[in-house]
Amino acid sequence: MGVFGVIFLSVPFYFLWNYLAPIYLPQLPPVYLHVPFWHCVGIFGLAAIFRLVFFPQGACCGWGWCRKRD
């Protein structure tokens, strides 16, 4: 997932979280009720990095880097 994919995925998450969290999760501290947009982008970016670290075969398949040896 590229930079633009991370940004586009974080837009709906940002609006949904900041709209629904104060309604359904009022017991959370205020810092978690209104998350800044770039923090949401960072969360999705870290999720993409973790996915590449823990599942490396998904990152190289299709590009020809991980060729199986006979």
N, C-alpha and C. Protein backbone atom coordinates (compact mmCIF):
# COMPACT_ATOMS: atom_id res chain seq x y z
N MET A 1 0.85 -1.16 0.00
CA MET A 1 0.00 0.00 0.00
C MET A 1 0.90 1.23 0.00
N GLY A 2 0.65 2.11 -0.91
CA GLY A 2 1.47 3.30 -1.04
C GLY A 2 0.99 4.42 -0.14
N VAL A 3 1.68 5.53 -0.28
CA VAL A 3 1.37 6.69 0.54
C VAL A 3 -0.06 7.18 0.27
N PHE A 4 -0.44 7.23 -1.00
CA PHE A 4 -1.78 7.71 -1.32
C PHE A 4 -2.85 6.73 -0.84
N GLY A 5 -2.58 5.46 -0.87
CA GLY A 5 -3.52 4.48 -0.35
C GLY A 5 -3.74 4.64 1.14
N VAL A 6 -2.66 4.90 1.86
CA VAL A 6 -2.76 5.12 3.30
C VAL A 6 -3.58 6.37 3.59
N ILE A 7 -3.33 7.43 2.83
CA ILE A 7 -4.07 8.68 3.05
C ILE A 7 -5.55 8.50 2.74
N PHE A 8 -5.85 7.84 1.61
CA PHE A 8 -7.25 7.67 1.23
C PHE A 8 -8.00 6.73 2.18
N LEU A 9 -7.32 5.74 2.75
CA LEU A 9 -7.98 4.87 3.72
C LEU A 9 -8.20 5.56 5.06
N SER A 10 -7.32 6.49 5.40
CA SER A 10 -7.45 7.14 6.70
C SER A 10 -8.51 8.24 6.71
N VAL A 11 -8.94 8.74 5.56
CA VAL A 11 -9.96 9.79 5.53
C VAL A 11 -11.29 9.30 6.12
N PRO A 12 -11.87 8.18 5.64
CA PRO A 12 -13.13 7.75 6.26
C PRO A 12 -12.96 7.32 7.72
N PHE A 13 -11.81 6.71 8.04
CA PHE A 13 -11.56 6.33 9.42
C PHE A 13 -11.54 7.55 10.32
N TYR A 14 -10.90 8.62 9.87
CA TYR A 14 -10.82 9.86 10.65
C TYR A 14 -12.20 10.43 10.93
N PHE A 15 -13.03 10.54 9.89
CA PHE A 15 -14.35 11.12 10.07
C PHE A 15 -15.26 10.22 10.91
N LEU A 16 -15.21 8.92 10.66
CA LEU A 16 -16.04 8.01 11.45
C LEU A 16 -15.62 7.97 12.92
N TRP A 17 -14.32 7.91 13.16
CA TRP A 17 -13.85 7.85 14.54
C TRP A 17 -14.20 9.13 15.29
N ASN A 18 -13.92 10.27 14.69
CA ASN A 18 -14.17 11.52 15.40
C ASN A 18 -15.66 11.83 15.54
N TYR A 19 -16.49 11.22 14.72
CA TYR A 19 -17.93 11.41 14.86
C TYR A 19 -18.54 10.41 15.84
N LEU A 20 -18.13 9.14 15.75
CA LEU A 20 -18.77 8.09 16.54
C LEU A 20 -18.14 7.84 17.90
N ALA A 21 -16.86 8.11 18.06
CA ALA A 21 -16.21 7.83 19.34
C ALA A 21 -16.80 8.63 20.50
N PRO A 22 -17.07 9.93 20.36
CA PRO A 22 -17.68 10.64 21.49
C PRO A 22 -19.08 10.14 21.84
N ILE A 23 -19.77 9.57 20.85
CA ILE A 23 -21.13 9.08 21.10
C ILE A 23 -21.11 7.71 21.79
N TYR A 24 -20.33 6.78 21.24
CA TYR A 24 -20.37 5.40 21.71
C TYR A 24 -19.26 5.03 22.69
N LEU A 25 -18.23 5.86 22.79
CA LEU A 25 -17.13 5.57 23.72
C LEU A 25 -16.82 6.78 24.60
N PRO A 26 -17.80 7.30 25.32
CA PRO A 26 -17.53 8.52 26.11
C PRO A 26 -16.60 8.28 27.29
N GLN A 27 -16.37 7.02 27.67
CA GLN A 27 -15.51 6.73 28.80
C GLN A 27 -14.02 6.86 28.47
N LEU A 28 -13.68 6.98 27.18
CA LEU A 28 -12.29 7.15 26.79
C LEU A 28 -11.77 8.52 27.19
N PRO A 29 -10.46 8.64 27.43
CA PRO A 29 -9.89 9.96 27.70
C PRO A 29 -10.06 10.87 26.48
N PRO A 30 -10.10 12.18 26.68
CA PRO A 30 -10.34 13.11 25.57
C PRO A 30 -9.31 13.02 24.44
N VAL A 31 -8.11 12.58 24.77
CA VAL A 31 -7.08 12.49 23.73
C VAL A 31 -7.45 11.44 22.68
N TYR A 32 -8.23 10.43 23.07
CA TYR A 32 -8.65 9.39 22.13
C TYR A 32 -9.98 9.69 21.44
N LEU A 33 -10.71 10.67 21.94
CA LEU A 33 -12.00 10.99 21.36
C LEU A 33 -11.88 11.84 20.09
N HIS A 34 -10.85 12.65 20.01
CA HIS A 34 -10.63 13.51 18.84
C HIS A 34 -9.21 13.31 18.36
N VAL A 35 -9.04 12.34 17.47
CA VAL A 35 -7.72 11.98 16.95
C VAL A 35 -7.43 12.86 15.73
N PRO A 36 -6.25 13.51 15.69
CA PRO A 36 -5.89 14.32 14.52
C PRO A 36 -5.74 13.47 13.26
N PHE A 37 -5.94 14.11 12.11
CA PHE A 37 -5.92 13.39 10.84
C PHE A 37 -4.57 12.72 10.59
N TRP A 38 -3.48 13.42 10.82
CA TRP A 38 -2.17 12.85 10.51
C TRP A 38 -1.81 11.72 11.45
N HIS A 39 -2.42 11.66 12.63
CA HIS A 39 -2.23 10.50 13.49
C HIS A 39 -2.92 9.28 12.90
N CYS A 40 -4.09 9.50 12.29
CA CYS A 40 -4.78 8.39 11.61
C CYS A 40 -3.95 7.89 10.43
N VAL A 41 -3.34 8.81 9.69
CA VAL A 41 -2.47 8.41 8.58
C VAL A 41 -1.29 7.59 9.11
N GLY A 42 -0.73 8.01 10.23
CA GLY A 42 0.37 7.26 10.84
C GLY A 42 -0.04 5.87 11.29
N ILE A 43 -1.25 5.73 11.81
CA ILE A 43 -1.75 4.41 12.23
C ILE A 43 -1.84 3.49 11.03
N PHE A 44 -2.41 3.97 9.93
CA PHE A 44 -2.53 3.13 8.74
C PHE A 44 -1.16 2.86 8.11
N GLY A 45 -0.25 3.83 8.19
CA GLY A 45 1.11 3.61 7.68
C GLY A 45 1.84 2.55 8.48
N LEU A 46 1.71 2.61 9.80
CA LEU A 46 2.33 1.58 10.64
C LEU A 46 1.71 0.21 10.41
N ALA A 47 0.41 0.17 10.19
CA ALA A 47 -0.23 -1.11 9.89
C ALA A 47 0.32 -1.70 8.59
N ALA A 48 0.55 -0.85 7.59
CA ALA A 48 1.12 -1.33 6.33
C ALA A 48 2.55 -1.84 6.53
N ILE A 49 3.33 -1.14 7.35
CA ILE A 49 4.71 -1.57 7.62
C ILE A 49 4.71 -2.89 8.38
N PHE A 50 3.86 -3.02 9.40
CA PHE A 50 3.78 -4.27 10.14
C PHE A 50 3.36 -5.42 9.25
N ARG A 51 2.45 -5.16 8.33
CA ARG A 51 2.03 -6.22 7.41
C ARG A 51 3.20 -6.66 6.54
N LEU A 52 4.02 -5.73 6.09
CA LEU A 52 5.18 -6.09 5.28
C LEU A 52 6.22 -6.86 6.09
N VAL A 53 6.36 -6.51 7.37
CA VAL A 53 7.35 -7.18 8.22
C VAL A 53 6.90 -8.60 8.57
N PHE A 54 5.63 -8.75 8.94
CA PHE A 54 5.15 -10.06 9.40
C PHE A 54 4.71 -10.98 8.27
N PHE A 55 4.38 -10.43 7.13
CA PHE A 55 3.98 -11.22 5.97
C PHE A 55 4.77 -10.78 4.75
N PRO A 56 6.07 -11.05 4.71
CA PRO A 56 6.91 -10.53 3.62
C PRO A 56 6.60 -11.14 2.26
N GLN A 57 6.01 -12.31 2.18
CA GLN A 57 5.72 -12.90 0.88
C GLN A 57 4.69 -12.09 0.12
N GLY A 58 3.82 -11.37 0.81
CA GLY A 58 2.84 -10.54 0.13
C GLY A 58 3.46 -9.32 -0.50
N ALA A 59 4.62 -8.90 -0.02
CA ALA A 59 5.26 -7.70 -0.54
C ALA A 59 6.03 -7.99 -1.81
N CYS A 60 6.55 -9.19 -1.98
CA CYS A 60 7.42 -9.43 -3.12
C CYS A 60 6.77 -10.25 -4.21
N CYS A 61 5.71 -10.92 -3.92
CA CYS A 61 5.06 -11.71 -4.96
C CYS A 61 4.42 -10.80 -5.99
N GLY A 62 4.59 -11.12 -7.22
CA GLY A 62 4.04 -10.30 -8.28
C GLY A 62 5.08 -9.39 -8.90
N TRP A 63 6.14 -9.11 -8.19
CA TRP A 63 7.21 -8.26 -8.73
C TRP A 63 8.36 -9.09 -9.28
N GLY A 64 8.37 -10.38 -8.98
CA GLY A 64 9.41 -11.25 -9.49
C GLY A 64 10.65 -11.29 -8.62
N TRP A 65 10.60 -10.71 -7.45
CA TRP A 65 11.77 -10.70 -6.58
C TRP A 65 11.94 -12.02 -5.87
N CYS A 66 10.86 -12.68 -5.53
CA CYS A 66 10.92 -13.93 -4.76
C CYS A 66 10.70 -15.12 -5.71
N ARG A 67 11.63 -15.37 -6.53
CA ARG A 67 11.49 -16.49 -7.47
C ARG A 67 11.84 -17.77 -6.74
N LYS A 68 11.07 -18.79 -6.99
CA LYS A 68 11.33 -20.09 -6.39
C LYS A 68 12.48 -20.76 -7.14
N ARG A 69 13.38 -21.32 -6.37
CA ARG A 69 14.52 -22.01 -6.97
C ARG A 69 14.18 -23.47 -7.18
N ASP A 70 14.63 -24.03 -8.27
CA ASP A 70 14.38 -25.44 -8.56
C ASP A 70 15.30 -26.34 -7.80
